[in-house]
Amino acid sequence: MDINEVIRRANATHFELPAGIFTQNFDTANTLTRALKAGTVWINCFDVLDVAIPFGGYKMSGHGREKGIYSLNNYL
């Protein structure tokens, strides 16, 4: 399967959840992170979060940004 097919399949959903890319090729990782329509994209790991960095869904997943200073605006 070529990289364009991977991108097409990954982006062909209404819900764009997190994505994990495992590769040794920096160009492949860069291409995929730019092309995937996902809220969070990890490279060579998965589900590693920093509570200070906001994250959010894409398309029908999520409703804005969570965590980080930006999420506090919902309560001010």
PDB file of N, CA and C in Angstrom:
ATOM      1  N   MET A   1       0.857  -1.170   0.000  1.00  0.00           N
ATOM      2  CA  MET A   1       0.000   0.000   0.000  1.00  0.00           C
ATOM      3  C   MET A   1       0.904   1.235   0.000  1.00  0.00           C
ATOM      4  N   ASP A   2       0.632   2.171  -0.883  1.00  0.00           N
ATOM      5  CA  ASP A   2       1.454   3.382  -0.944  1.00  0.00           C
ATOM      6  C   ASP A   2       0.953   4.444   0.031  1.00  0.00           C
ATOM      7  N   ILE A   3       1.752   5.465   0.237  1.00  0.00           N
ATOM      8  CA  ILE A   3       1.448   6.496   1.234  1.00  0.00           C
ATOM      9  C   ILE A   3       0.160   7.260   0.908  1.00  0.00           C
ATOM     10  N   ASN A   4      -0.129   7.458  -0.361  1.00  0.00           N
ATOM     11  CA  ASN A   4      -1.361   8.163  -0.739  1.00  0.00           C
ATOM     12  C   ASN A   4      -2.596   7.355  -0.376  1.00  0.00           C
ATOM     13  N   GLU A   5      -2.509   6.045  -0.489  1.00  0.00           N
ATOM     14  CA  GLU A   5      -3.622   5.181  -0.097  1.00  0.00           C
ATOM     15  C   GLU A   5      -3.819   5.217   1.418  1.00  0.00           C
ATOM     16  N   VAL A   6      -2.734   5.234   2.156  1.00  0.00           N
ATOM     17  CA  VAL A   6      -2.817   5.339   3.619  1.00  0.00           C
ATOM     18  C   VAL A   6      -3.515   6.641   4.008  1.00  0.00           C
ATOM     19  N   ILE A   7      -3.117   7.736   3.398  1.00  0.00           N
ATOM     20  CA  ILE A   7      -3.718   9.044   3.689  1.00  0.00           C
ATOM     21  C   ILE A   7      -5.194   9.045   3.319  1.00  0.00           C
ATOM     22  N   ARG A   8      -5.525   8.510   2.151  1.00  0.00           N
ATOM     23  CA  ARG A   8      -6.919   8.479   1.701  1.00  0.00           C
ATOM     24  C   ARG A   8      -7.785   7.679   2.676  1.00  0.00           C
ATOM     25  N   ARG A   9      -7.310   6.516   3.066  1.00  0.00           N
ATOM     26  CA  ARG A   9      -8.094   5.681   3.995  1.00  0.00           C
ATOM     27  C   ARG A   9      -8.240   6.333   5.364  1.00  0.00           C
ATOM     28  N   ALA A  10      -7.162   6.897   5.862  1.00  0.00           N
ATOM     29  CA  ALA A  10      -7.201   7.514   7.190  1.00  0.00           C
ATOM     30  C   ALA A  10      -8.131   8.722   7.222  1.00  0.00           C
ATOM     31  N   ASN A  11      -8.190   9.482   6.143  1.00  0.00           N
ATOM     32  CA  ASN A  11      -9.012  10.698   6.114  1.00  0.00           C
ATOM     33  C   ASN A  11     -10.435  10.455   5.633  1.00  0.00           C
ATOM     34  N   ALA A  12     -10.791   9.220   5.314  1.00  0.00           N
ATOM     35  CA  ALA A  12     -12.117   8.918   4.746  1.00  0.00           C
ATOM     36  C   ALA A  12     -13.157   8.613   5.820  1.00  0.00           C
ATOM     37  N   THR A  13     -13.072   9.252   6.966  1.00  0.00           N
ATOM     38  CA  THR A  13     -14.054   9.046   8.022  1.00  0.00           C
ATOM     39  C   THR A  13     -14.612  10.389   8.468  1.00  0.00           C
ATOM     40  N   HIS A  14     -15.756  10.345   9.143  1.00  0.00           N
ATOM     41  CA  HIS A  14     -16.340  11.569   9.693  1.00  0.00           C
ATOM     42  C   HIS A  14     -15.680  11.940  11.016  1.00  0.00           C
ATOM     43  N   PHE A  15     -15.125  10.944  11.683  1.00  0.00           N
ATOM     44  CA  PHE A  15     -14.492  11.161  12.977  1.00  0.00           C
ATOM     45  C   PHE A  15     -12.995  10.984  12.820  1.00  0.00           C
ATOM     46  N   GLU A  16     -12.264  11.980  13.187  1.00  0.00           N
ATOM     47  CA  GLU A  16     -10.806  11.908  13.077  1.00  0.00           C
ATOM     48  C   GLU A  16     -10.214  11.873  14.472  1.00  0.00           C
ATOM     49  N   LEU A  17      -9.954  10.683  14.923  1.00  0.00           N
ATOM     50  CA  LEU A  17      -9.377  10.470  16.235  1.00  0.00           C
ATOM     51  C   LEU A  17      -7.861  10.596  16.147  1.00  0.00           C
ATOM     52  N   PRO A  18      -7.152  10.394  17.236  1.00  0.00           N
ATOM     53  CA  PRO A  18      -5.695  10.500  17.181  1.00  0.00           C
ATOM     54  C   PRO A  18      -5.083   9.502  16.200  1.00  0.00           C
ATOM     55  N   ALA A  19      -3.891   9.821  15.737  1.00  0.00           N
ATOM     56  CA  ALA A  19      -3.171   8.955  14.810  1.00  0.00           C
ATOM     57  C   ALA A  19      -1.777   8.692  15.343  1.00  0.00           C
ATOM     58  N   GLY A  20      -1.282   7.505  15.091  1.00  0.00           N
ATOM     59  CA  GLY A  20       0.079   7.148  15.460  1.00  0.00           C
ATOM     60  C   GLY A  20       0.830   6.687  14.225  1.00  0.00           C
ATOM     61  N   ILE A  21       2.007   7.251  14.017  1.00  0.00           N
ATOM     62  CA  ILE A  21       2.839   6.909  12.867  1.00  0.00           C
ATOM     63  C   ILE A  21       4.120   6.279  13.392  1.00  0.00           C
ATOM     64  N   PHE A  22       4.417   5.087  12.928  1.00  0.00           N
ATOM     65  CA  PHE A  22       5.655   4.418  13.310  1.00  0.00           C
ATOM     66  C   PHE A  22       6.498   4.248  12.059  1.00  0.00           C
ATOM     67  N   THR A  23       7.604   4.957  12.004  1.00  0.00           N
ATOM     68  CA  THR A  23       8.473   4.936  10.836  1.00  0.00           C
ATOM     69  C   THR A  23       9.886   5.340  11.218  1.00  0.00           C
ATOM     70  N   GLN A  24      10.841   4.928  10.411  1.00  0.00           N
ATOM     71  CA  GLN A  24      12.218   5.376  10.580  1.00  0.00           C
ATOM     72  C   GLN A  24      12.548   6.488   9.597  1.00  0.00           C
ATOM     73  N   ASN A  25      11.604   6.802   8.728  1.00  0.00           N
ATOM     74  CA  ASN A  25      11.839   7.780   7.671  1.00  0.00           C
ATOM     75  C   ASN A  25      11.230   9.126   8.068  1.00  0.00           C
ATOM     76  N   PHE A  26      12.068  10.126   8.258  1.00  0.00           N
ATOM     77  CA  PHE A  26      11.597  11.455   8.665  1.00  0.00           C
ATOM     78  C   PHE A  26      10.677  12.074   7.614  1.00  0.00           C
ATOM     79  N   ASP A  27      10.980  11.890   6.347  1.00  0.00           N
ATOM     80  CA  ASP A  27      10.140  12.453   5.279  1.00  0.00           C
ATOM     81  C   ASP A  27       8.743  11.843   5.293  1.00  0.00           C
ATOM     82  N   THR A  28       8.652  10.553   5.537  1.00  0.00           N
ATOM     83  CA  THR A  28       7.349   9.893   5.624  1.00  0.00           C
ATOM     84  C   THR A  28       6.557  10.447   6.802  1.00  0.00           C
ATOM     85  N   ALA A  29       7.196  10.583   7.953  1.00  0.00           N
ATOM     86  CA  ALA A  29       6.527  11.130   9.134  1.00  0.00           C
ATOM     87  C   ALA A  29       6.046  12.551   8.869  1.00  0.00           C
ATOM     88  N   ASN A  30       6.878  13.361   8.260  1.00  0.00           N
ATOM     89  CA  ASN A  30       6.516  14.748   7.964  1.00  0.00           C
ATOM     90  C   ASN A  30       5.342  14.811   6.990  1.00  0.00           C
ATOM     91  N   THR A  31       5.388  14.007   5.952  1.00  0.00           N
ATOM     92  CA  THR A  31       4.300  13.983   4.962  1.00  0.00           C
ATOM     93  C   THR A  31       2.986  13.572   5.612  1.00  0.00           C
ATOM     94  N   LEU A  32       3.026  12.515   6.417  1.00  0.00           N
ATOM     95  CA  LEU A  32       1.795  12.025   7.034  1.00  0.00           C
ATOM     96  C   LEU A  32       1.239  12.996   8.070  1.00  0.00           C
ATOM     97  N   THR A  33       2.087  13.598   8.893  1.00  0.00           N
ATOM     98  CA  THR A  33       1.570  14.526   9.901  1.00  0.00           C
ATOM     99  C   THR A  33       0.894  15.723   9.259  1.00  0.00           C
ATOM    100  N   ARG A  34       1.361  16.135   8.118  1.00  0.00           N
ATOM    101  CA  ARG A  34       0.742  17.266   7.418  1.00  0.00           C
ATOM    102  C   ARG A  34      -0.531  16.865   6.686  1.00  0.00           C
ATOM    103  N   ALA A  35      -0.602  15.627   6.240  1.00  0.00           N
ATOM    104  CA  ALA A  35      -1.729  15.194   5.415  1.00  0.00           C
ATOM    105  C   ALA A  35      -2.892  14.620   6.217  1.00  0.00           C
ATOM    106  N   LEU A  36      -2.612  14.021   7.368  1.00  0.00           N
ATOM    107  CA  LEU A  36      -3.683  13.398   8.147  1.00  0.00           C
ATOM    108  C   LEU A  36      -4.536  14.453   8.828  1.00  0.00           C
ATOM    109  N   LYS A  37      -5.822  14.281   8.731  1.00  0.00           N
ATOM    110  CA  LYS A  37      -6.753  15.189   9.386  1.00  0.00           C
ATOM    111  C   LYS A  37      -7.141  14.559  10.720  1.00  0.00           C
ATOM    112  N   ALA A  38      -6.266  14.737  11.694  1.00  0.00           N
ATOM    113  CA  ALA A  38      -6.453  14.148  13.013  1.00  0.00           C
ATOM    114  C   ALA A  38      -6.178  15.201  14.073  1.00  0.00           C
ATOM    115  N   GLY A  39      -6.819  15.037  15.226  1.00  0.00           N
ATOM    116  CA  GLY A  39      -6.626  15.996  16.305  1.00  0.00           C
ATOM    117  C   GLY A  39      -5.219  15.974  16.859  1.00  0.00           C
ATOM    118  N   THR A  40      -4.660  14.789  17.019  1.00  0.00           N
ATOM    119  CA  THR A  40      -3.305  14.612  17.522  1.00  0.00           C
ATOM    120  C   THR A  40      -2.628  13.549  16.687  1.00  0.00           C
ATOM    121  N   VAL A  41      -1.372  13.781  16.334  1.00  0.00           N
ATOM    122  CA  VAL A  41      -0.592  12.789  15.589  1.00  0.00           C
ATOM    123  C   VAL A  41       0.701  12.548  16.350  1.00  0.00           C
ATOM    124  N   TRP A  42       0.930  11.294  16.748  1.00  0.00           N
ATOM    125  CA  TRP A  42       2.156  10.915  17.422  1.00  0.00           C
ATOM    126  C   TRP A  42       3.092  10.249  16.427  1.00  0.00           C
ATOM    127  N   ILE A  43       4.392  10.444  16.622  1.00  0.00           N
ATOM    128  CA  ILE A  43       5.399   9.795  15.795  1.00  0.00           C
ATOM    129  C   ILE A  43       6.222   8.873  16.677  1.00  0.00           C
ATOM    130  N   ASN A  44       6.216   7.599  16.321  1.00  0.00           N
ATOM    131  CA  ASN A  44       6.975   6.548  17.014  1.00  0.00           C
ATOM    132  C   ASN A  44       6.610   6.405  18.488  1.00  0.00           C
ATOM    133  N   CYS A  45       5.385   6.760  18.831  1.00  0.00           N
ATOM    134  CA  CYS A  45       4.828   6.527  20.155  1.00  0.00           C
ATOM    135  C   CYS A  45       3.315   6.698  20.028  1.00  0.00           C
ATOM    136  N   PHE A  46       2.587   6.479  21.117  1.00  0.00           N
ATOM    137  CA  PHE A  46       1.140   6.673  21.064  1.00  0.00           C
ATOM    138  C   PHE A  46       0.636   6.981  22.459  1.00  0.00           C
ATOM    139  N   ASP A  47      -0.294   7.913  22.539  1.00  0.00           N
ATOM    140  CA  ASP A  47      -0.965   8.267  23.782  1.00  0.00           C
ATOM    141  C   ASP A  47      -0.015   8.885  24.810  1.00  0.00           C
ATOM    142  N   VAL A  48       0.951   9.647  24.330  1.00  0.00           N
ATOM    143  CA  VAL A  48       1.861  10.382  25.211  1.00  0.00           C
ATOM    144  C   VAL A  48       1.387  11.825  25.214  1.00  0.00           C
ATOM    145  N   LEU A  49       0.942  12.300  26.372  1.00  0.00           N
ATOM    146  CA  LEU A  49       0.348  13.630  26.462  1.00  0.00           C
ATOM    147  C   LEU A  49       1.059  14.498  27.484  1.00  0.00           C
ATOM    148  N   ASP A  50       1.099  15.771  27.223  1.00  0.00           N
ATOM    149  CA  ASP A  50       1.579  16.773  28.165  1.00  0.00           C
ATOM    150  C   ASP A  50       0.366  17.620  28.534  1.00  0.00           C
ATOM    151  N   VAL A  51       0.027  17.687  29.798  1.00  0.00           N
ATOM    152  CA  VAL A  51      -1.191  18.383  30.213  1.00  0.00           C
ATOM    153  C   VAL A  51      -1.147  19.879  29.924  1.00  0.00           C
ATOM    154  N   ALA A  52       0.028  20.419  29.625  1.00  0.00           N
ATOM    155  CA  ALA A  52       0.133  21.848  29.336  1.00  0.00           C
ATOM    156  C   ALA A  52      -0.120  22.165  27.865  1.00  0.00           C
ATOM    157  N   ILE A  53      -0.176  21.138  27.032  1.00  0.00           N
ATOM    158  CA  ILE A  53      -0.363  21.356  25.601  1.00  0.00           C
ATOM    159  C   ILE A  53      -1.807  21.043  25.236  1.00  0.00           C
ATOM    160  N   PRO A  54      -2.525  22.011  24.654  1.00  0.00           N
ATOM    161  CA  PRO A  54      -3.918  21.762  24.290  1.00  0.00           C
ATOM    162  C   PRO A  54      -4.034  20.753  23.152  1.00  0.00           C
ATOM    163  N   PHE A  55      -5.141  20.027  23.149  1.00  0.00           N
ATOM    164  CA  PHE A  55      -5.411  19.109  22.057  1.00  0.00           C
ATOM    165  C   PHE A  55      -6.888  19.185  21.746  1.00  0.00           C
ATOM    166  N   GLY A  56      -7.271  18.673  20.625  1.00  0.00           N
ATOM    167  CA  GLY A  56      -8.674  18.669  20.261  1.00  0.00           C
ATOM    168  C   GLY A  56      -8.933  17.787  19.067  1.00  0.00           C
ATOM    169  N   GLY A  57     -10.192  17.514  18.854  1.00  0.00           N
ATOM    170  CA  GLY A  57     -10.589  16.677  17.740  1.00  0.00           C
ATOM    171  C   GLY A  57     -10.591  17.430  16.429  1.00  0.00           C
ATOM    172  N   TYR A  58     -10.909  16.711  15.398  1.00  0.00           N
ATOM    173  CA  TYR A  58     -10.955  17.253  14.042  1.00  0.00           C
ATOM    174  C   TYR A  58     -12.225  16.717  13.411  1.00  0.00           C
ATOM    175  N   LYS A  59     -12.831  17.451  12.548  1.00  0.00           N
ATOM    176  CA  LYS A  59     -14.112  17.082  11.927  1.00  0.00           C
ATOM    177  C   LYS A  59     -15.158  16.906  13.023  1.00  0.00           C
ATOM    178  N   MET A  60     -15.815  15.736  13.079  1.00  0.00           N
ATOM    179  CA  MET A  60     -16.898  15.499  14.028  1.00  0.00           C
ATOM    180  C   MET A  60     -16.401  15.040  15.400  1.00  0.00           C
ATOM    181  N   SER A  61     -15.105  14.946  15.588  1.00  0.00           N
ATOM    182  CA  SER A  61     -14.543  14.508  16.868  1.00  0.00           C
ATOM    183  C   SER A  61     -14.175  15.726  17.705  1.00  0.00           C
ATOM    184  N   GLY A  62     -14.789  15.842  18.822  1.00  0.00           N
ATOM    185  CA  GLY A  62     -14.434  16.931  19.724  1.00  0.00           C
ATOM    186  C   GLY A  62     -15.164  18.222  19.403  1.00  0.00           C
ATOM    187  N   HIS A  63     -15.024  19.147  20.305  1.00  0.00           N
ATOM    188  CA  HIS A  63     -15.701  20.435  20.172  1.00  0.00           C
ATOM    189  C   HIS A  63     -14.814  21.556  20.685  1.00  0.00           C
ATOM    190  N   GLY A  64     -13.607  21.624  20.205  1.00  0.00           N
ATOM    191  CA  GLY A  64     -12.702  22.668  20.655  1.00  0.00           C
ATOM    192  C   GLY A  64     -11.435  22.097  21.240  1.00  0.00           C
ATOM    193  N   ARG A  65     -10.752  22.911  22.000  1.00  0.00           N
ATOM    194  CA  ARG A  65      -9.471  22.510  22.579  1.00  0.00           C
ATOM    195  C   ARG A  65      -9.639  22.164  24.049  1.00  0.00           C
ATOM    196  N   GLU A  66      -8.916  21.157  24.469  1.00  0.00           N
ATOM    197  CA  GLU A  66      -8.914  20.746  25.867  1.00  0.00           C
ATOM    198  C   GLU A  66      -7.490  20.802  26.386  1.00  0.00           C
ATOM    199  N   LYS A  67      -7.360  20.938  27.678  1.00  0.00           N
ATOM    200  CA  LYS A  67      -6.092  21.036  28.394  1.00  0.00           C
ATOM    201  C   LYS A  67      -5.373  22.330  28.045  1.00  0.00           C
ATOM    202  N   GLY A  68      -4.322  22.616  28.751  1.00  0.00           N
ATOM    203  CA  GLY A  68      -3.558  23.822  28.509  1.00  0.00           C
ATOM    204  C   GLY A  68      -4.322  25.080  28.901  1.00  0.00           C
ATOM    205  N   ILE A  69      -3.704  26.196  28.725  1.00  0.00           N
ATOM    206  CA  ILE A  69      -4.273  27.489  29.096  1.00  0.00           C
ATOM    207  C   ILE A  69      -5.513  27.826  28.275  1.00  0.00           C
ATOM    208  N   TYR A  70      -5.571  27.344  27.031  1.00  0.00           N
ATOM    209  CA  TYR A  70      -6.700  27.654  26.160  1.00  0.00           C
ATOM    210  C   TYR A  70      -8.010  27.074  26.681  1.00  0.00           C
ATOM    211  N   SER A  71      -7.941  25.941  27.358  1.00  0.00           N
ATOM    212  CA  SER A  71      -9.172  25.339  27.865  1.00  0.00           C
ATOM    213  C   SER A  71      -9.768  26.145  29.008  1.00  0.00           C
ATOM    214  N   LEU A  72      -8.950  26.928  29.702  1.00  0.00           N
ATOM    215  CA  LEU A  72      -9.473  27.730  30.823  1.00  0.00           C
ATOM    216  C   LEU A  72     -10.411  28.827  30.341  1.00  0.00           C
ATOM    217  N   ASN A  73     -10.293  29.248  29.084  1.00  0.00           N
ATOM    218  CA  ASN A  73     -11.185  30.280  28.552  1.00  0.00           C
ATOM    219  C   ASN A  73     -12.643  29.833  28.581  1.00  0.00           C
ATOM    220  N   ASN A  74     -12.906  28.529  28.592  1.00  0.00           N
ATOM    221  CA  ASN A  74     -14.273  28.027  28.667  1.00  0.00           C
ATOM    222  C   ASN A  74     -14.918  28.327  30.007  1.00  0.00           C
ATOM    223  N   TYR A  75     -14.105  28.607  31.009  1.00  0.00           N
ATOM    224  CA  TYR A  75     -14.621  28.802  32.359  1.00  0.00           C
ATOM    225  C   TYR A  75     -14.506  30.244  32.854  1.00  0.00           C
ATOM    226  N   LEU A  76     -13.938  31.127  32.058  1.00  0.00           N
ATOM    227  CA  LEU A  76     -13.752  32.504  32.485  1.00  0.00           C
ATOM    228  C   LEU A  76     -14.883  33.390  31.996  1.00  0.00           C
TER     229      LEU A  76
END
